[in-house]
């Protein structure tokens, strides 16, 4: 798999586990060389995934 499309909320959600899981997921994508396709939001869970991918070199 070269890319994955991710849809998630523009808010952080009601539980602190949600942004933590989004960040971990983004880092895993980058670590495994999987590109992220998303709607471009820089906030909420979507932003957490995207930021983590970028920070991990993806």
PDB file of N, CA and C in Angstrom:
ATOM      1  N   UNK A   1       0.850  -1.164   0.000  1.00  0.00           N
ATOM      2  CA  UNK A   1       0.000   0.000   0.000  1.00  0.00           C
ATOM      3  C   UNK A   1       0.901   1.233   0.000  1.00  0.00           C
ATOM      4  N   UNK A   2       0.620   2.165  -0.902  1.00  0.00           N
ATOM      5  CA  UNK A   2       1.436   3.371  -1.002  1.00  0.00           C
ATOM      6  C   UNK A   2       0.817   4.563  -0.293  1.00  0.00           C
ATOM      7  N   UNK A   3      -0.505   4.629  -0.285  1.00  0.00           N
ATOM      8  CA  UNK A   3      -1.209   5.751   0.333  1.00  0.00           C
ATOM      9  C   UNK A   3      -2.472   5.252   1.019  1.00  0.00           C
ATOM     10  N   UNK A   4      -2.891   6.033   2.000  1.00  0.00           N
ATOM     11  CA  UNK A   4      -4.152   5.739   2.675  1.00  0.00           C
ATOM     12  C   UNK A   4      -4.917   7.048   2.833  1.00  0.00           C
ATOM     13  N   UNK A   5      -6.220   6.981   2.640  1.00  0.00           N
ATOM     14  CA  UNK A   5      -7.082   8.144   2.825  1.00  0.00           C
ATOM     15  C   UNK A   5      -7.713   8.049   4.211  1.00  0.00           C
ATOM     16  N   UNK A   6      -7.619   9.130   4.954  1.00  0.00           N
ATOM     17  CA  UNK A   6      -8.121   9.144   6.326  1.00  0.00           C
ATOM     18  C   UNK A   6      -9.161  10.248   6.470  1.00  0.00           C
ATOM     19  N   UNK A   7     -10.283   9.912   7.064  1.00  0.00           N
ATOM     20  CA  UNK A   7     -11.324  10.881   7.383  1.00  0.00           C
ATOM     21  C   UNK A   7     -11.508  10.892   8.889  1.00  0.00           C
ATOM     22  N   UNK A   8     -11.360  12.023   9.518  1.00  0.00           N
ATOM     23  CA  UNK A   8     -11.661  12.152  10.946  1.00  0.00           C
ATOM     24  C   UNK A   8     -12.125  13.564  11.242  1.00  0.00           C
ATOM     25  N   UNK A   9     -12.496  13.782  12.483  1.00  0.00           N
ATOM     26  CA  UNK A   9     -13.119  15.032  12.877  1.00  0.00           C
ATOM     27  C   UNK A   9     -12.192  16.234  12.913  1.00  0.00           C
ATOM     28  N   UNK A  10     -12.810  17.410  12.849  1.00  0.00           N
ATOM     29  CA  UNK A  10     -12.062  18.659  12.947  1.00  0.00           C
ATOM     30  C   UNK A  10     -11.990  19.144  14.393  1.00  0.00           C
ATOM     31  N   UNK A  11     -12.430  18.288  15.316  1.00  0.00           N
ATOM     32  CA  UNK A  11     -12.270  18.578  16.745  1.00  0.00           C
ATOM     33  C   UNK A  11     -11.421  17.466  17.350  1.00  0.00           C
ATOM     34  N   UNK A  12     -10.967  17.677  18.566  1.00  0.00           N
ATOM     35  CA  UNK A  12     -10.120  16.679  19.237  1.00  0.00           C
ATOM     36  C   UNK A  12     -10.936  15.551  19.857  1.00  0.00           C
ATOM     37  N   UNK A  13     -12.250  15.696  19.930  1.00  0.00           N
ATOM     38  CA  UNK A  13     -13.087  14.670  20.536  1.00  0.00           C
ATOM     39  C   UNK A  13     -13.213  14.865  22.037  1.00  0.00           C
ATOM     40  N   UNK A  14     -13.995  14.027  22.658  1.00  0.00           N
ATOM     41  CA  UNK A  14     -14.305  14.160  24.081  1.00  0.00           C
ATOM     42  C   UNK A  14     -13.309  13.470  24.999  1.00  0.00           C
ATOM     43  N   UNK A  15     -12.461  12.630  24.454  1.00  0.00           N
ATOM     44  CA  UNK A  15     -11.535  11.866  25.296  1.00  0.00           C
ATOM     45  C   UNK A  15     -10.105  12.110  24.843  1.00  0.00           C
ATOM     46  N   UNK A  16      -9.195  12.190  25.787  1.00  0.00           N
ATOM     47  CA  UNK A  16      -7.799  12.473  25.444  1.00  0.00           C
ATOM     48  C   UNK A  16      -7.140  11.336  24.668  1.00  0.00           C
ATOM     49  N   UNK A  17      -7.746  10.154  24.692  1.00  0.00           N
ATOM     50  CA  UNK A  17      -7.195   9.034  23.940  1.00  0.00           C
ATOM     51  C   UNK A  17      -7.288   9.258  22.429  1.00  0.00           C
ATOM     52  N   UNK A  18      -8.270  10.029  21.990  1.00  0.00           N
ATOM     53  CA  UNK A  18      -8.478  10.216  20.555  1.00  0.00           C
ATOM     54  C   UNK A  18      -7.317  10.940  19.879  1.00  0.00           C
ATOM     55  N   UNK A  19      -6.916  12.125  20.344  1.00  0.00           N
ATOM     56  CA  UNK A  19      -5.773  12.772  19.691  1.00  0.00           C
ATOM     57  C   UNK A  19      -4.474  11.983  19.856  1.00  0.00           C
ATOM     58  N   UNK A  20      -4.333  11.289  20.964  1.00  0.00           N
ATOM     59  CA  UNK A  20      -3.141  10.464  21.173  1.00  0.00           C
ATOM     60  C   UNK A  20      -3.098   9.339  20.136  1.00  0.00           C
ATOM     61  N   UNK A  21      -4.221   8.685  19.913  1.00  0.00           N
ATOM     62  CA  UNK A  21      -4.287   7.608  18.917  1.00  0.00           C
ATOM     63  C   UNK A  21      -4.060   8.155  17.507  1.00  0.00           C
ATOM     64  N   UNK A  22      -4.604   9.330  17.217  1.00  0.00           N
ATOM     65  CA  UNK A  22      -4.410   9.939  15.899  1.00  0.00           C
ATOM     66  C   UNK A  22      -2.937  10.242  15.657  1.00  0.00           C
ATOM     67  N   UNK A  23      -2.256  10.741  16.680  1.00  0.00           N
ATOM     68  CA  UNK A  23      -0.828  11.043  16.575  1.00  0.00           C
ATOM     69  C   UNK A  23      -0.013   9.770  16.374  1.00  0.00           C
ATOM     70  N   UNK A  24      -0.319   8.741  17.133  1.00  0.00           N
ATOM     71  CA  UNK A  24       0.390   7.464  16.987  1.00  0.00           C
ATOM     72  C   UNK A  24       0.164   6.870  15.593  1.00  0.00           C
ATOM     73  N   UNK A  25      -1.059   6.969  15.111  1.00  0.00           N
ATOM     74  CA  UNK A  25      -1.389   6.442  13.788  1.00  0.00           C
ATOM     75  C   UNK A  25      -0.605   7.173  12.700  1.00  0.00           C
ATOM     76  N   UNK A  26      -0.566   8.494  12.784  1.00  0.00           N
ATOM     77  CA  UNK A  26       0.182   9.280  11.805  1.00  0.00           C
ATOM     78  C   UNK A  26       1.655   8.926  11.786  1.00  0.00           C
ATOM     79  N   UNK A  27       2.234   8.748  12.964  1.00  0.00           N
ATOM     80  CA  UNK A  27       3.652   8.379  13.055  1.00  0.00           C
ATOM     81  C   UNK A  27       3.893   7.002  12.437  1.00  0.00           C
ATOM     82  N   UNK A  28       2.982   6.073  12.665  1.00  0.00           N
ATOM     83  CA  UNK A  28       3.113   4.732  12.079  1.00  0.00           C
ATOM     84  C   UNK A  28       3.046   4.773  10.553  1.00  0.00           C
ATOM     85  N   UNK A  29       2.160   5.600  10.026  1.00  0.00           N
ATOM     86  CA  UNK A  29       2.074   5.722   8.568  1.00  0.00           C
ATOM     87  C   UNK A  29       3.419   6.145   7.993  1.00  0.00           C
ATOM     88  N   UNK A  30       3.989   7.201   8.564  1.00  0.00           N
ATOM     89  CA  UNK A  30       5.268   7.704   8.057  1.00  0.00           C
ATOM     90  C   UNK A  30       6.377   6.677   8.229  1.00  0.00           C
ATOM     91  N   UNK A  31       6.400   6.004   9.363  1.00  0.00           N
ATOM     92  CA  UNK A  31       7.429   5.003   9.636  1.00  0.00           C
ATOM     93  C   UNK A  31       7.414   3.886   8.596  1.00  0.00           C
ATOM     94  N   UNK A  32       6.223   3.545   8.120  1.00  0.00           N
ATOM     95  CA  UNK A  32       6.086   2.463   7.146  1.00  0.00           C
ATOM     96  C   UNK A  32       6.046   2.967   5.700  1.00  0.00           C
ATOM     97  N   UNK A  33       6.310   4.254   5.512  1.00  0.00           N
ATOM     98  CA  UNK A  33       6.370   4.803   4.161  1.00  0.00           C
ATOM     99  C   UNK A  33       5.036   4.899   3.455  1.00  0.00           C
ATOM    100  N   UNK A  34       3.964   5.018   4.220  1.00  0.00           N
ATOM    101  CA  UNK A  34       2.621   5.117   3.644  1.00  0.00           C
ATOM    102  C   UNK A  34       2.215   6.583   3.615  1.00  0.00           C
ATOM    103  N   UNK A  35       1.870   7.070   2.431  1.00  0.00           N
ATOM    104  CA  UNK A  35       1.458   8.457   2.267  1.00  0.00           C
ATOM    105  C   UNK A  35       0.048   8.688   2.779  1.00  0.00           C
ATOM    106  N   UNK A  36      -0.184   9.900   3.259  1.00  0.00           N
ATOM    107  CA  UNK A  36      -1.494  10.276   3.793  1.00  0.00           C
ATOM    108  C   UNK A  36      -2.246  11.126   2.786  1.00  0.00           C
ATOM    109  N   UNK A  37      -3.484  10.740   2.502  1.00  0.00           N
ATOM    110  CA  UNK A  37      -4.396  11.531   1.689  1.00  0.00           C
ATOM    111  C   UNK A  37      -5.520  11.955   2.616  1.00  0.00           C
ATOM    112  N   UNK A  38      -5.746  13.265   2.728  1.00  0.00           N
ATOM    113  CA  UNK A  38      -6.775  13.754   3.642  1.00  0.00           C
ATOM    114  C   UNK A  38      -7.322  15.073   3.139  1.00  0.00           C
ATOM    115  N   UNK A  39      -8.308  15.607   3.830  1.00  0.00           N
ATOM    116  CA  UNK A  39      -8.992  16.813   3.387  1.00  0.00           C
ATOM    117  C   UNK A  39      -8.247  18.113   3.591  1.00  0.00           C
ATOM    118  N   UNK A  40      -7.086  18.081   4.193  1.00  0.00           N
ATOM    119  CA  UNK A  40      -6.282  19.281   4.332  1.00  0.00           C
ATOM    120  C   UNK A  40      -6.498  20.076   5.602  1.00  0.00           C
ATOM    121  N   UNK A  41      -7.362  19.614   6.486  1.00  0.00           N
ATOM    122  CA  UNK A  41      -7.608  20.349   7.727  1.00  0.00           C
ATOM    123  C   UNK A  41      -6.373  20.298   8.623  1.00  0.00           C
ATOM    124  N   UNK A  42      -6.107  21.413   9.287  1.00  0.00           N
ATOM    125  CA  UNK A  42      -4.948  21.462  10.185  1.00  0.00           C
ATOM    126  C   UNK A  42      -5.377  21.509  11.643  1.00  0.00           C
ATOM    127  N   UNK A  43      -6.628  21.197  11.900  1.00  0.00           N
ATOM    128  CA  UNK A  43      -7.162  21.235  13.264  1.00  0.00           C
ATOM    129  C   UNK A  43      -7.766  19.885  13.627  1.00  0.00           C
ATOM    130  N   UNK A  44      -8.008  19.688  14.897  1.00  0.00           N
ATOM    131  CA  UNK A  44      -8.678  18.491  15.378  1.00  0.00           C
ATOM    132  C   UNK A  44      -7.896  17.214  15.132  1.00  0.00           C
ATOM    133  N   UNK A  45      -8.618  16.114  15.075  1.00  0.00           N
ATOM    134  CA  UNK A  45      -7.986  14.812  14.878  1.00  0.00           C
ATOM    135  C   UNK A  45      -7.294  14.721  13.522  1.00  0.00           C
ATOM    136  N   UNK A  46      -7.905  15.335  12.518  1.00  0.00           N
ATOM    137  CA  UNK A  46      -7.293  15.332  11.185  1.00  0.00           C
ATOM    138  C   UNK A  46      -5.940  16.026  11.225  1.00  0.00           C
ATOM    139  N   UNK A  47      -5.872  17.150  11.922  1.00  0.00           N
ATOM    140  CA  UNK A  47      -4.607  17.863  12.067  1.00  0.00           C
ATOM    141  C   UNK A  47      -3.588  17.064  12.855  1.00  0.00           C
ATOM    142  N   UNK A  48      -4.044  16.339  13.858  1.00  0.00           N
ATOM    143  CA  UNK A  48      -3.134  15.509  14.662  1.00  0.00           C
ATOM    144  C   UNK A  48      -2.486  14.424  13.816  1.00  0.00           C
ATOM    145  N   UNK A  49      -3.274  13.778  12.968  1.00  0.00           N
ATOM    146  CA  UNK A  49      -2.722  12.744  12.085  1.00  0.00           C
ATOM    147  C   UNK A  49      -1.714  13.373  11.122  1.00  0.00           C
ATOM    148  N   UNK A  50      -2.109  14.455  10.472  1.00  0.00           N
ATOM    149  CA  UNK A  50      -1.244  15.096   9.479  1.00  0.00           C
ATOM    150  C   UNK A  50       0.050  15.610  10.104  1.00  0.00           C
ATOM    151  N   UNK A  51      -0.047  16.264  11.248  1.00  0.00           N
ATOM    152  CA  UNK A  51       1.147  16.786  11.922  1.00  0.00           C
ATOM    153  C   UNK A  51       2.110  15.665  12.286  1.00  0.00           C
ATOM    154  N   UNK A  52       1.565  14.554  12.762  1.00  0.00           N
ATOM    155  CA  UNK A  52       2.411  13.423  13.149  1.00  0.00           C
ATOM    156  C   UNK A  52       3.123  12.828  11.944  1.00  0.00           C
ATOM    157  N   UNK A  53       2.428  12.734  10.817  1.00  0.00           N
ATOM    158  CA  UNK A  53       3.061  12.224   9.597  1.00  0.00           C
ATOM    159  C   UNK A  53       4.229  13.130   9.209  1.00  0.00           C
ATOM    160  N   UNK A  54       3.996  14.431   9.218  1.00  0.00           N
ATOM    161  CA  UNK A  54       5.051  15.374   8.838  1.00  0.00           C
ATOM    162  C   UNK A  54       6.227  15.331   9.810  1.00  0.00           C
ATOM    163  N   UNK A  55       5.932  15.278  11.103  1.00  0.00           N
ATOM    164  CA  UNK A  55       6.997  15.241  12.108  1.00  0.00           C
ATOM    165  C   UNK A  55       7.845  13.977  11.995  1.00  0.00           C
ATOM    166  N   UNK A  56       7.232  12.899  11.524  1.00  0.00           N
ATOM    167  CA  UNK A  56       7.956  11.632  11.390  1.00  0.00           C
ATOM    168  C   UNK A  56       8.636  11.499  10.025  1.00  0.00           C
ATOM    169  N   UNK A  57       8.601  12.569   9.249  1.00  0.00           N
ATOM    170  CA  UNK A  57       9.301  12.559   7.967  1.00  0.00           C
ATOM    171  C   UNK A  57       8.491  12.113   6.781  1.00  0.00           C
ATOM    172  N   UNK A  58       7.176  11.973   6.963  1.00  0.00           N
ATOM    173  CA  UNK A  58       6.314  11.539   5.862  1.00  0.00           C
ATOM    174  C   UNK A  58       5.863  12.684   5.005  1.00  0.00           C
TER     175      UNK A  58
END
